[in-house]
Amino acid sequence: MIKNIIFDFDGVILDSVPVKTEAFRKLFKEFSKDEVNELIKYHLINGGKSRFLKIKYFFNEVLNKKINDEKISLYAHRYSELTKEELSKEKYLISDTLSFIRENHQKYNMHVASGAEEKDLKYICHNLNLNQYFLSINGSPKVKSDIVKELLNFNTYKKNETILIGDSINDFETADGNGIEFYGYNNKLLKLHHKYITNYTEFTA
């Protein structure tokens, strides 16, 4: 029986991917279009990874340049300025997930574990009145797998009573690495190998 649900945020609760994709284009507008497209490709495949890791990847792997933590933080802050106000608008909420959360938050222990920067994440959740539904809201720069591990340990949750709902292969790897069940959502590529939520009315615990 499922008692604890850990939600990814982007692409599961909030339809934020187009906004965040455009933000990366604006953030790195001084670089070539081909270089930025390589980052966008990585960004879209690795939805569960943080902006900090994506910025580092862009410099290390695409540009073949070194970048220090201070400069990564500077870019991450600019990225925040490009996204957090826009993503605080209700129009980006995914209604199917939101309805499920509203109707079931007293039935399950609900948490958010996201690759999004934690301060921005909490800012957006506060503005959208989502805080009331979750026992905790957690984000980067802490790695998602570590967030989930800490959630399990701190709350003494049984692994066979806990699931993670996510929209990326990184979310699956996080769940698998922590020994909990994974449910794919909003990404048809995940249908092939994992449990999948097409509509929450079909969700059975």
N, C-alpha and C. Protein backbone atom coordinates (compact mmCIF):
# COMPACT_ATOMS: atom_id res chain seq x y z
N MET A 1 0.84 -1.21 0.00
CA MET A 1 0.00 0.00 0.00
C MET A 1 0.87 1.25 0.00
N ILE A 2 0.54 2.18 -0.87
CA ILE A 2 1.29 3.44 -0.94
C ILE A 2 0.80 4.40 0.15
N LYS A 3 1.74 4.92 0.92
CA LYS A 3 1.42 5.90 1.96
C LYS A 3 2.13 7.23 1.72
N ASN A 4 3.23 7.19 0.98
CA ASN A 4 4.07 8.38 0.80
C ASN A 4 4.35 8.63 -0.68
N ILE A 5 4.06 9.84 -1.13
CA ILE A 5 4.29 10.19 -2.54
C ILE A 5 5.26 11.36 -2.63
N ILE A 6 6.34 11.14 -3.38
CA ILE A 6 7.32 12.20 -3.65
C ILE A 6 7.11 12.64 -5.10
N PHE A 7 6.80 13.91 -5.28
CA PHE A 7 6.56 14.46 -6.62
C PHE A 7 7.79 15.19 -7.13
N ASP A 8 8.15 14.94 -8.37
CA ASP A 8 9.00 15.88 -9.08
C ASP A 8 8.13 17.12 -9.33
N PHE A 9 8.72 18.24 -9.65
CA PHE A 9 7.94 19.47 -9.80
C PHE A 9 7.75 19.87 -11.27
N ASP A 10 8.86 20.15 -11.96
CA ASP A 10 8.78 20.60 -13.35
C ASP A 10 8.31 19.46 -14.25
N GLY A 11 7.23 19.72 -14.97
CA GLY A 11 6.69 18.71 -15.87
C GLY A 11 5.70 17.77 -15.22
N VAL A 12 5.59 17.83 -13.90
CA VAL A 12 4.64 16.98 -13.17
C VAL A 12 3.57 17.84 -12.49
N ILE A 13 4.00 18.86 -11.77
CA ILE A 13 3.07 19.79 -11.11
C ILE A 13 2.96 21.08 -11.91
N LEU A 14 4.06 21.50 -12.50
CA LEU A 14 4.10 22.76 -13.24
C LEU A 14 4.62 22.52 -14.66
N ASP A 15 3.92 23.06 -15.64
CA ASP A 15 4.34 22.93 -17.04
C ASP A 15 5.37 24.01 -17.34
N SER A 16 6.55 23.81 -16.80
CA SER A 16 7.57 24.86 -16.80
C SER A 16 8.64 24.67 -17.87
N VAL A 17 8.65 23.54 -18.53
CA VAL A 17 9.76 23.22 -19.44
C VAL A 17 9.94 24.26 -20.55
N PRO A 18 8.87 24.70 -21.25
CA PRO A 18 9.07 25.71 -22.30
C PRO A 18 9.66 27.02 -21.77
N VAL A 19 9.20 27.44 -20.59
CA VAL A 19 9.71 28.68 -19.99
C VAL A 19 11.19 28.53 -19.65
N LYS A 20 11.56 27.39 -19.08
CA LYS A 20 12.95 27.17 -18.68
C LYS A 20 13.86 26.98 -19.88
N THR A 21 13.33 26.39 -20.94
CA THR A 21 14.11 26.22 -22.16
C THR A 21 14.43 27.58 -22.77
N GLU A 22 13.44 28.45 -22.84
CA GLU A 22 13.66 29.80 -23.37
C GLU A 22 14.62 30.58 -22.50
N ALA A 23 14.56 30.35 -21.18
CA ALA A 23 15.46 31.05 -20.25
C ALA A 23 16.92 30.69 -20.53
N PHE A 24 17.19 29.43 -20.85
CA PHE A 24 18.56 29.03 -21.18
C PHE A 24 19.02 29.72 -22.46
N ARG A 25 18.11 29.86 -23.42
CA ARG A 25 18.48 30.55 -24.66
C ARG A 25 18.85 32.01 -24.38
N LYS A 26 18.09 32.65 -23.52
CA LYS A 26 18.37 34.05 -23.17
C LYS A 26 19.64 34.17 -22.34
N LEU A 27 19.83 33.22 -21.43
CA LEU A 27 20.98 33.24 -20.53
C LEU A 27 22.29 33.16 -21.30
N PHE A 28 22.30 32.37 -22.36
CA PHE A 28 23.53 32.14 -23.12
C PHE A 28 23.44 32.71 -24.54
N LYS A 29 22.75 33.82 -24.68
CA LYS A 29 22.52 34.40 -26.00
C LYS A 29 23.80 34.87 -26.69
N GLU A 30 24.87 35.08 -25.92
CA GLU A 30 26.13 35.53 -26.53
C GLU A 30 26.90 34.39 -27.18
N PHE A 31 26.47 33.16 -26.93
CA PHE A 31 27.13 32.00 -27.53
C PHE A 31 26.42 31.60 -28.83
N SER A 32 27.06 30.74 -29.60
CA SER A 32 26.48 30.37 -30.89
C SER A 32 25.21 29.55 -30.71
N LYS A 33 24.34 29.62 -31.71
CA LYS A 33 23.07 28.91 -31.66
C LYS A 33 23.28 27.40 -31.57
N ASP A 34 24.27 26.89 -32.29
CA ASP A 34 24.56 25.45 -32.25
C ASP A 34 25.00 25.00 -30.87
N GLU A 35 25.82 25.82 -30.22
CA GLU A 35 26.29 25.47 -28.87
C GLU A 35 25.12 25.46 -27.87
N VAL A 36 24.29 26.46 -27.98
CA VAL A 36 23.13 26.54 -27.08
C VAL A 36 22.16 25.40 -27.35
N ASN A 37 22.01 25.03 -28.62
CA ASN A 37 21.13 23.91 -28.95
C ASN A 37 21.61 22.59 -28.33
N GLU A 38 22.93 22.45 -28.21
CA GLU A 38 23.48 21.26 -27.54
C GLU A 38 23.06 21.24 -26.07
N LEU A 39 23.09 22.41 -25.44
CA LEU A 39 22.65 22.51 -24.05
C LEU A 39 21.16 22.21 -23.94
N ILE A 40 20.37 22.77 -24.85
CA ILE A 40 18.92 22.55 -24.82
C ILE A 40 18.59 21.07 -24.95
N LYS A 41 19.31 20.39 -25.82
CA LYS A 41 19.11 18.95 -26.00
C LYS A 41 19.36 18.22 -24.68
N TYR A 42 20.46 18.58 -24.03
CA TYR A 42 20.81 17.98 -22.74
C TYR A 42 19.77 18.32 -21.67
N HIS A 43 19.35 19.56 -21.66
CA HIS A 43 18.33 20.05 -20.72
C HIS A 43 17.03 19.27 -20.85
N LEU A 44 16.60 19.03 -22.06
CA LEU A 44 15.32 18.35 -22.29
C LEU A 44 15.39 16.86 -21.94
N ILE A 45 16.53 16.25 -22.20
CA ILE A 45 16.70 14.83 -21.86
C ILE A 45 16.82 14.64 -20.35
N ASN A 46 17.49 15.58 -19.71
CA ASN A 46 17.79 15.47 -18.28
C ASN A 46 16.96 16.43 -17.46
N GLY A 47 15.64 16.27 -17.56
CA GLY A 47 14.72 17.18 -16.88
C GLY A 47 14.89 17.21 -15.38
N GLY A 48 15.32 16.10 -14.78
CA GLY A 48 15.43 16.04 -13.33
C GLY A 48 16.70 16.64 -12.76
N LYS A 49 17.63 17.04 -13.64
CA LYS A 49 18.89 17.60 -13.14
C LYS A 49 18.78 19.10 -12.90
N SER A 50 19.61 19.60 -12.00
CA SER A 50 19.52 21.01 -11.60
C SER A 50 20.15 21.93 -12.64
N ARG A 51 19.79 23.20 -12.56
CA ARG A 51 20.38 24.23 -13.42
C ARG A 51 21.90 24.31 -13.20
N PHE A 52 22.33 24.06 -11.97
CA PHE A 52 23.76 24.13 -11.64
C PHE A 52 24.53 23.10 -12.47
N LEU A 53 24.01 21.88 -12.54
CA LEU A 53 24.65 20.82 -13.32
C LEU A 53 24.58 21.10 -14.81
N LYS A 54 23.47 21.69 -15.26
CA LYS A 54 23.31 21.99 -16.69
C LYS A 54 24.25 23.11 -17.13
N ILE A 55 24.41 24.10 -16.29
CA ILE A 55 25.34 25.19 -16.60
C ILE A 55 26.77 24.66 -16.65
N LYS A 56 27.12 23.82 -15.69
CA LYS A 56 28.45 23.21 -15.66
C LYS A 56 28.67 22.36 -16.90
N TYR A 57 27.66 21.59 -17.27
CA TYR A 57 27.75 20.76 -18.47
C TYR A 57 28.00 21.61 -19.71
N PHE A 58 27.28 22.72 -19.82
CA PHE A 58 27.42 23.60 -20.98
C PHE A 58 28.87 24.06 -21.15
N PHE A 59 29.48 24.49 -20.06
CA PHE A 59 30.85 24.97 -20.14
C PHE A 59 31.86 23.84 -20.31
N ASN A 60 31.72 22.78 -19.51
CA ASN A 60 32.70 21.69 -19.53
C ASN A 60 32.61 20.84 -20.79
N GLU A 61 31.40 20.47 -21.18
CA GLU A 61 31.22 19.49 -22.25
C GLU A 61 30.95 20.10 -23.62
N VAL A 62 30.21 21.21 -23.66
CA VAL A 62 29.88 21.83 -24.95
C VAL A 62 30.96 22.82 -25.37
N LEU A 63 31.34 23.69 -24.44
CA LEU A 63 32.34 24.72 -24.76
C LEU A 63 33.77 24.24 -24.51
N ASN A 64 33.89 23.11 -23.77
CA ASN A 64 35.20 22.59 -23.40
C ASN A 64 36.01 23.62 -22.61
N LYS A 65 35.32 24.27 -21.67
CA LYS A 65 35.95 25.29 -20.83
C LYS A 65 35.70 24.96 -19.36
N LYS A 66 36.57 25.46 -18.51
CA LYS A 66 36.37 25.30 -17.08
C LYS A 66 35.49 26.43 -16.57
N ILE A 67 34.75 26.15 -15.51
CA ILE A 67 33.93 27.18 -14.87
C ILE A 67 33.93 26.91 -13.36
N ASN A 68 34.14 27.96 -12.57
CA ASN A 68 34.18 27.76 -11.12
C ASN A 68 32.79 27.90 -10.52
N ASP A 69 32.66 27.50 -9.26
CA ASP A 69 31.36 27.50 -8.58
C ASP A 69 30.77 28.90 -8.48
N GLU A 70 31.62 29.90 -8.32
CA GLU A 70 31.14 31.28 -8.21
C GLU A 70 30.45 31.73 -9.51
N LYS A 71 31.05 31.38 -10.63
CA LYS A 71 30.47 31.78 -11.91
C LYS A 71 29.20 30.97 -12.20
N ILE A 72 29.19 29.70 -11.80
CA ILE A 72 27.98 28.89 -11.95
C ILE A 72 26.83 29.51 -11.17
N SER A 73 27.13 29.95 -9.95
CA SER A 73 26.10 30.58 -9.10
C SER A 73 25.60 31.87 -9.72
N LEU A 74 26.48 32.61 -10.35
CA LEU A 74 26.09 33.86 -11.01
C LEU A 74 25.13 33.59 -12.16
N TYR A 75 25.45 32.62 -12.98
CA TYR A 75 24.55 32.25 -14.08
C TYR A 75 23.23 31.71 -13.54
N ALA A 76 23.31 30.92 -12.47
CA ALA A 76 22.10 30.35 -11.86
C ALA A 76 21.18 31.45 -11.33
N HIS A 77 21.79 32.50 -10.78
CA HIS A 77 21.00 33.63 -10.26
C HIS A 77 20.31 34.36 -11.41
N ARG A 78 21.01 34.56 -12.52
CA ARG A 78 20.42 35.21 -13.69
C ARG A 78 19.27 34.37 -14.24
N TYR A 79 19.48 33.07 -14.24
CA TYR A 79 18.44 32.14 -14.70
C TYR A 79 17.20 32.26 -13.83
N SER A 80 17.40 32.39 -12.54
CA SER A 80 16.30 32.58 -11.59
C SER A 80 15.51 33.84 -11.93
N GLU A 81 16.21 34.91 -12.23
CA GLU A 81 15.55 36.17 -12.57
C GLU A 81 14.73 36.05 -13.85
N LEU A 82 15.13 35.16 -14.73
CA LEU A 82 14.43 34.97 -16.00
C LEU A 82 13.19 34.08 -15.87
N THR A 83 13.08 33.34 -14.76
CA THR A 83 12.04 32.32 -14.68
C THR A 83 11.04 32.44 -13.53
N LYS A 84 11.48 32.81 -12.34
CA LYS A 84 10.63 32.58 -11.17
C LYS A 84 9.34 33.40 -11.15
N GLU A 85 9.37 34.63 -11.65
CA GLU A 85 8.14 35.43 -11.66
C GLU A 85 7.13 34.86 -12.67
N GLU A 86 7.65 34.49 -13.83
CA GLU A 86 6.78 33.94 -14.87
C GLU A 86 6.15 32.63 -14.40
N LEU A 87 6.94 31.80 -13.75
CA LEU A 87 6.45 30.48 -13.32
C LEU A 87 5.56 30.54 -12.08
N SER A 88 5.40 31.71 -11.52
CA SER A 88 4.48 31.89 -10.38
C SER A 88 3.05 32.13 -10.85
N LYS A 89 2.82 32.05 -12.16
CA LYS A 89 1.48 32.26 -12.72
C LYS A 89 0.71 30.94 -12.74
N GLU A 90 -0.55 31.00 -12.37
CA GLU A 90 -1.38 29.80 -12.26
C GLU A 90 -1.55 29.06 -13.59
N LYS A 91 -1.40 29.76 -14.69
CA LYS A 91 -1.64 29.13 -15.99
C LYS A 91 -0.69 27.98 -16.28
N TYR A 92 0.42 27.91 -15.54
CA TYR A 92 1.38 26.84 -15.78
C TYR A 92 1.12 25.59 -14.93
N LEU A 93 0.20 25.67 -14.00
CA LEU A 93 -0.11 24.50 -13.18
C LEU A 93 -0.75 23.40 -14.03
N ILE A 94 -0.35 22.18 -13.80
CA ILE A 94 -0.92 21.03 -14.52
C ILE A 94 -2.16 20.58 -13.76
N SER A 95 -3.30 20.81 -14.34
CA SER A 95 -4.57 20.67 -13.62
C SER A 95 -4.83 19.25 -13.13
N ASP A 96 -4.45 18.25 -13.90
CA ASP A 96 -4.70 16.86 -13.51
C ASP A 96 -3.95 16.52 -12.22
N THR A 97 -2.68 16.90 -12.17
CA THR A 97 -1.88 16.64 -10.97
C THR A 97 -2.40 17.46 -9.80
N LEU A 98 -2.69 18.73 -10.05
CA LEU A 98 -3.16 19.61 -8.98
C LEU A 98 -4.45 19.08 -8.36
N SER A 99 -5.37 18.61 -9.18
CA SER A 99 -6.63 18.06 -8.66
C SER A 99 -6.37 16.85 -7.78
N PHE A 100 -5.46 15.97 -8.23
CA PHE A 100 -5.12 14.79 -7.45
C PHE A 100 -4.53 15.18 -6.10
N ILE A 101 -3.63 16.15 -6.11
CA ILE A 101 -2.98 16.60 -4.88
C ILE A 101 -4.01 17.20 -3.92
N ARG A 102 -4.85 18.07 -4.43
CA ARG A 102 -5.87 18.70 -3.58
C ARG A 102 -6.81 17.68 -2.95
N GLU A 103 -7.18 16.68 -3.72
CA GLU A 103 -8.15 15.69 -3.25
C GLU A 103 -7.54 14.62 -2.34
N ASN A 104 -6.22 14.45 -2.41
CA ASN A 104 -5.60 13.32 -1.71
C ASN A 104 -4.49 13.68 -0.73
N HIS A 105 -4.24 14.98 -0.51
CA HIS A 105 -3.10 15.33 0.34
C HIS A 105 -3.26 14.89 1.79
N GLN A 106 -4.49 14.61 2.21
CA GLN A 106 -4.69 14.11 3.56
C GLN A 106 -4.62 12.58 3.63
N LYS A 107 -4.69 11.96 2.47
CA LYS A 107 -4.62 10.49 2.40
C LYS A 107 -3.18 10.00 2.37
N TYR A 108 -2.30 10.78 1.73
CA TYR A 108 -0.89 10.42 1.59
C TYR A 108 0.00 11.47 2.23
N ASN A 109 1.22 11.06 2.60
CA ASN A 109 2.27 12.01 2.98
C ASN A 109 2.91 12.48 1.69
N MET A 110 2.77 13.75 1.36
CA MET A 110 3.25 14.26 0.08
C MET A 110 4.46 15.18 0.25
N HIS A 111 5.43 15.01 -0.64
CA HIS A 111 6.65 15.82 -0.64
C HIS A 111 6.99 16.21 -2.07
N VAL A 112 7.78 17.27 -2.21
CA VAL A 112 8.33 17.65 -3.51
C VAL A 112 9.84 17.46 -3.45
N ALA A 113 10.39 16.77 -4.45
CA ALA A 113 11.84 16.65 -4.61
C ALA A 113 12.15 17.03 -6.05
N SER A 114 12.80 18.16 -6.22
CA SER A 114 12.96 18.74 -7.55
C SER A 114 14.40 19.09 -7.86
N GLY A 115 14.71 19.14 -9.16
CA GLY A 115 16.00 19.65 -9.60
C GLY A 115 16.02 21.17 -9.63
N ALA A 116 14.85 21.79 -9.45
CA ALA A 116 14.78 23.26 -9.43
C ALA A 116 15.48 23.81 -8.19
N GLU A 117 15.99 25.00 -8.29
CA GLU A 117 16.67 25.64 -7.16
C GLU A 117 15.68 25.82 -6.01
N GLU A 118 16.09 25.43 -4.81
CA GLU A 118 15.13 25.33 -3.71
C GLU A 118 14.47 26.67 -3.34
N LYS A 119 15.23 27.75 -3.33
CA LYS A 119 14.64 29.05 -2.99
C LYS A 119 13.56 29.45 -4.00
N ASP A 120 13.87 29.26 -5.28
CA ASP A 120 12.88 29.56 -6.33
C ASP A 120 11.67 28.66 -6.21
N LEU A 121 11.93 27.38 -5.94
CA LEU A 121 10.87 26.39 -5.80
C LEU A 121 9.90 26.79 -4.70
N LYS A 122 10.43 27.16 -3.56
CA LYS A 122 9.58 27.55 -2.43
C LYS A 122 8.86 28.87 -2.71
N TYR A 123 9.54 29.77 -3.42
CA TYR A 123 8.93 31.04 -3.80
C TYR A 123 7.72 30.79 -4.71
N ILE A 124 7.90 29.93 -5.71
CA ILE A 124 6.82 29.61 -6.65
C ILE A 124 5.67 28.89 -5.94
N CYS A 125 6.01 27.93 -5.11
CA CYS A 125 4.97 27.17 -4.38
C CYS A 125 4.18 28.09 -3.43
N HIS A 126 4.87 29.02 -2.81
CA HIS A 126 4.19 29.98 -1.93
C HIS A 126 3.22 30.85 -2.73
N ASN A 127 3.68 31.37 -3.86
CA ASN A 127 2.84 32.24 -4.68
C ASN A 127 1.64 31.51 -5.27
N LEU A 128 1.78 30.20 -5.47
CA LEU A 128 0.70 29.41 -6.06
C LEU A 128 -0.12 28.68 -4.99
N ASN A 129 0.17 28.99 -3.72
CA ASN A 129 -0.57 28.39 -2.59
C ASN A 129 -0.49 26.86 -2.57
N LEU A 130 0.68 26.34 -2.90
CA LEU A 130 0.87 24.89 -2.91
C LEU A 130 1.45 24.36 -1.60
N ASN A 131 2.03 25.24 -0.80
CA ASN A 131 2.71 24.82 0.43
C ASN A 131 1.84 23.95 1.32
N GLN A 132 0.57 24.28 1.37
CA GLN A 132 -0.35 23.61 2.30
C GLN A 132 -0.48 22.11 2.04
N TYR A 133 -0.12 21.67 0.85
CA TYR A 133 -0.33 20.27 0.49
C TYR A 133 0.87 19.37 0.77
N PHE A 134 2.03 19.97 1.02
CA PHE A 134 3.26 19.18 1.13
C PHE A 134 3.91 19.28 2.51
N LEU A 135 4.42 18.16 2.97
CA LEU A 135 5.13 18.13 4.24
C LEU A 135 6.52 18.74 4.11
N SER A 136 7.07 18.69 2.90
CA SER A 136 8.36 19.35 2.64
C SER A 136 8.48 19.64 1.15
N ILE A 137 9.26 20.69 0.84
CA ILE A 137 9.52 21.10 -0.54
C ILE A 137 11.04 21.25 -0.66
N ASN A 138 11.65 20.42 -1.49
CA ASN A 138 13.10 20.32 -1.53
C ASN A 138 13.63 20.45 -2.95
N GLY A 139 14.76 21.17 -3.08
CA GLY A 139 15.34 21.37 -4.40
C GLY A 139 16.84 21.47 -4.38
N SER A 140 17.42 21.87 -5.52
CA SER A 140 18.86 21.97 -5.68
C SER A 140 19.39 23.23 -4.95
N PRO A 141 20.68 23.32 -4.69
CA PRO A 141 21.74 22.53 -5.34
C PRO A 141 21.94 21.11 -4.80
N LYS A 142 21.20 20.70 -3.80
CA LYS A 142 21.31 19.31 -3.36
C LYS A 142 20.82 18.40 -4.48
N VAL A 143 21.53 17.29 -4.69
CA VAL A 143 21.17 16.34 -5.74
C VAL A 143 19.89 15.61 -5.36
N LYS A 144 19.01 15.37 -6.34
CA LYS A 144 17.70 14.80 -6.06
C LYS A 144 17.77 13.44 -5.37
N SER A 145 18.71 12.61 -5.78
CA SER A 145 18.83 11.29 -5.14
C SER A 145 19.14 11.42 -3.66
N ASP A 146 19.93 12.43 -3.30
CA ASP A 146 20.25 12.67 -1.88
C ASP A 146 19.02 13.22 -1.14
N ILE A 147 18.25 14.05 -1.82
CA ILE A 147 17.02 14.58 -1.22
C ILE A 147 16.09 13.44 -0.85
N VAL A 148 15.90 12.52 -1.78
CA VAL A 148 14.99 11.39 -1.55
C VAL A 148 15.52 10.49 -0.44
N LYS A 149 16.81 10.24 -0.45
CA LYS A 149 17.42 9.42 0.60
C LYS A 149 17.19 10.02 1.97
N GLU A 150 17.38 11.33 2.07
CA GLU A 150 17.19 12.02 3.34
C GLU A 150 15.72 12.02 3.77
N LEU A 151 14.82 12.17 2.79
CA LEU A 151 13.38 12.12 3.10
C LEU A 151 13.00 10.76 3.70
N LEU A 152 13.49 9.72 3.08
CA LEU A 152 13.18 8.37 3.55
C LEU A 152 13.72 8.15 4.96
N ASN A 153 14.96 8.58 5.18
CA ASN A 153 15.59 8.36 6.49
C ASN A 153 14.98 9.24 7.58
N PHE A 154 14.79 10.51 7.28
CA PHE A 154 14.28 11.45 8.28
C PHE A 154 12.87 11.08 8.74
N ASN A 155 12.05 10.66 7.79
CA ASN A 155 10.66 10.34 8.10
C ASN A 155 10.43 8.86 8.42
N THR A 156 11.52 8.09 8.38
CA THR A 156 11.47 6.63 8.58
C THR A 156 10.37 5.98 7.74
N TYR A 157 10.31 6.41 6.47
CA TYR A 157 9.34 5.82 5.55
C TYR A 157 9.81 4.44 5.10
N LYS A 158 8.87 3.52 4.99
CA LYS A 158 9.16 2.22 4.42
C LYS A 158 9.23 2.37 2.90
N LYS A 159 10.26 1.77 2.31
CA LYS A 159 10.46 1.92 0.87
C LYS A 159 9.32 1.33 0.06
N ASN A 160 8.73 0.24 0.56
CA ASN A 160 7.64 -0.39 -0.20
C ASN A 160 6.31 0.36 -0.06
N GLU A 161 6.32 1.44 0.73
CA GLU A 161 5.12 2.28 0.89
C GLU A 161 5.32 3.67 0.27
N THR A 162 6.45 3.84 -0.45
CA THR A 162 6.82 5.15 -0.97
C THR A 162 7.05 5.08 -2.47
N ILE A 163 6.53 6.08 -3.20
CA ILE A 163 6.75 6.16 -4.64
C ILE A 163 7.24 7.54 -5.03
N LEU A 164 7.85 7.62 -6.21
CA LEU A 164 8.24 8.90 -6.79
C LEU A 164 7.55 9.03 -8.13
N ILE A 165 6.90 10.16 -8.35
CA ILE A 165 6.25 10.46 -9.64
C ILE A 165 7.10 11.49 -10.38
N GLY A 166 7.58 11.12 -11.56
CA GLY A 166 8.44 12.03 -12.30
C GLY A 166 8.27 11.91 -13.79
N ASP A 167 8.90 12.83 -14.52
CA ASP A 167 8.72 12.87 -15.98
C ASP A 167 10.02 12.66 -16.74
N SER A 168 11.07 12.18 -16.07
CA SER A 168 12.35 12.01 -16.76
C SER A 168 13.05 10.73 -16.32
N ILE A 169 14.02 10.31 -17.14
CA ILE A 169 14.81 9.14 -16.81
C ILE A 169 15.61 9.38 -15.53
N ASN A 170 15.99 10.63 -15.28
CA ASN A 170 16.71 10.96 -14.04
C ASN A 170 15.85 10.69 -12.81
N ASP A 171 14.55 10.94 -12.95
CA ASP A 171 13.64 10.66 -11.84
C ASP A 171 13.55 9.15 -11.59
N PHE A 172 13.50 8.39 -12.68
CA PHE A 172 13.50 6.93 -12.53
C PHE A 172 14.78 6.47 -11.84
N GLU A 173 15.92 7.00 -12.25
CA GLU A 173 17.20 6.60 -11.66
C GLU A 173 17.26 6.97 -10.18
N THR A 174 16.66 8.10 -9.82
CA THR A 174 16.60 8.52 -8.42
C THR A 174 15.77 7.53 -7.60
N ALA A 175 14.61 7.17 -8.13
CA ALA A 175 13.74 6.21 -7.44
C ALA A 175 14.42 4.85 -7.33
N ASP A 176 14.94 4.39 -8.44
CA ASP A 176 15.58 3.07 -8.48
C ASP A 176 16.77 3.00 -7.53
N GLY A 177 17.57 4.07 -7.51
CA GLY A 177 18.74 4.11 -6.64
C GLY A 177 18.39 4.11 -5.16
N ASN A 178 17.19 4.56 -4.85
CA ASN A 178 16.74 4.59 -3.46
C ASN A 178 15.81 3.43 -3.11
N GLY A 179 15.60 2.54 -4.07
CA GLY A 179 14.82 1.34 -3.81
C GLY A 179 13.33 1.56 -3.65
N ILE A 180 12.81 2.61 -4.31
CA ILE A 180 11.37 2.87 -4.24
C ILE A 180 10.75 2.78 -5.63
N GLU A 181 9.45 2.61 -5.68
CA GLU A 181 8.73 2.47 -6.95
C GLU A 181 8.67 3.80 -7.69
N PHE A 182 8.80 3.73 -9.01
CA PHE A 182 8.72 4.92 -9.86
C PHE A 182 7.47 4.88 -10.72
N TYR A 183 6.77 6.01 -10.80
CA TYR A 183 5.64 6.17 -11.71
C TYR A 183 5.97 7.29 -12.69
N GLY A 184 6.00 6.96 -13.98
CA GLY A 184 6.25 7.97 -14.99
C GLY A 184 5.01 8.80 -15.25
N TYR A 185 5.24 10.05 -15.67
CA TYR A 185 4.13 10.96 -15.97
C TYR A 185 4.58 11.98 -17.00
N ASN A 186 3.69 12.29 -17.95
CA ASN A 186 3.91 13.39 -18.89
C ASN A 186 5.15 13.19 -19.78
N ASN A 187 5.51 11.95 -20.02
CA ASN A 187 6.62 11.64 -20.91
C ASN A 187 6.40 10.22 -21.45
N LYS A 188 5.88 10.12 -22.66
CA LYS A 188 5.47 8.83 -23.21
C LYS A 188 6.63 7.85 -23.36
N LEU A 189 7.86 8.37 -23.42
CA LEU A 189 9.02 7.48 -23.52
C LEU A 189 9.18 6.61 -22.27
N LEU A 190 8.61 7.07 -21.17
CA LEU A 190 8.72 6.31 -19.92
C LEU A 190 7.72 5.16 -19.84
N LYS A 191 6.77 5.14 -20.76
CA LYS A 191 5.75 4.09 -20.75
C LYS A 191 6.32 2.70 -20.98
N LEU A 192 7.42 2.62 -21.70
CA LEU A 192 7.95 1.35 -22.14
C LEU A 192 8.43 0.45 -21.00
N HIS A 193 9.01 1.05 -19.98
CA HIS A 193 9.68 0.24 -18.96
C HIS A 193 9.18 0.47 -17.54
N HIS A 194 8.28 1.39 -17.34
CA HIS A 194 7.93 1.76 -15.98
C HIS A 194 6.41 1.85 -15.81
N LYS A 195 5.97 1.86 -14.56
CA LYS A 195 4.57 2.17 -14.29
C LYS A 195 4.32 3.59 -14.77
N TYR A 196 3.12 3.84 -15.27
CA TYR A 196 2.88 5.13 -15.92
C TYR A 196 1.48 5.65 -15.59
N ILE A 197 1.41 6.94 -15.31
CA ILE A 197 0.14 7.59 -15.03
C ILE A 197 -0.28 8.38 -16.27
N THR A 198 -1.30 7.88 -16.96
CA THR A 198 -1.86 8.63 -18.09
C THR A 198 -2.84 9.65 -17.58
N ASN A 199 -3.61 9.24 -16.60
CA ASN A 199 -4.60 10.10 -15.95
C ASN A 199 -4.73 9.65 -14.50
N TYR A 200 -4.78 10.59 -13.60
CA TYR A 200 -4.80 10.22 -12.17
C TYR A 200 -6.06 9.49 -11.75
N THR A 201 -7.08 9.55 -12.57
CA THR A 201 -8.29 8.79 -12.23
C THR A 201 -8.01 7.29 -12.32
N GLU A 202 -6.93 6.95 -13.04
CA GLU A 202 -6.53 5.54 -13.19
C GLU A 202 -5.52 5.13 -12.10
N PHE A 203 -5.07 6.11 -11.32
CA PHE A 203 -4.05 5.84 -10.31
C PHE A 203 -4.63 4.98 -9.18
N THR A 204 -3.97 3.86 -8.95
CA THR A 204 -4.40 3.00 -7.85
C THR A 204 -3.24 2.74 -6.93
N ALA A 205 -3.49 2.83 -5.65
CA ALA A 205 -2.44 2.62 -4.66
C ALA A 205 -2.67 1.31 -3.93
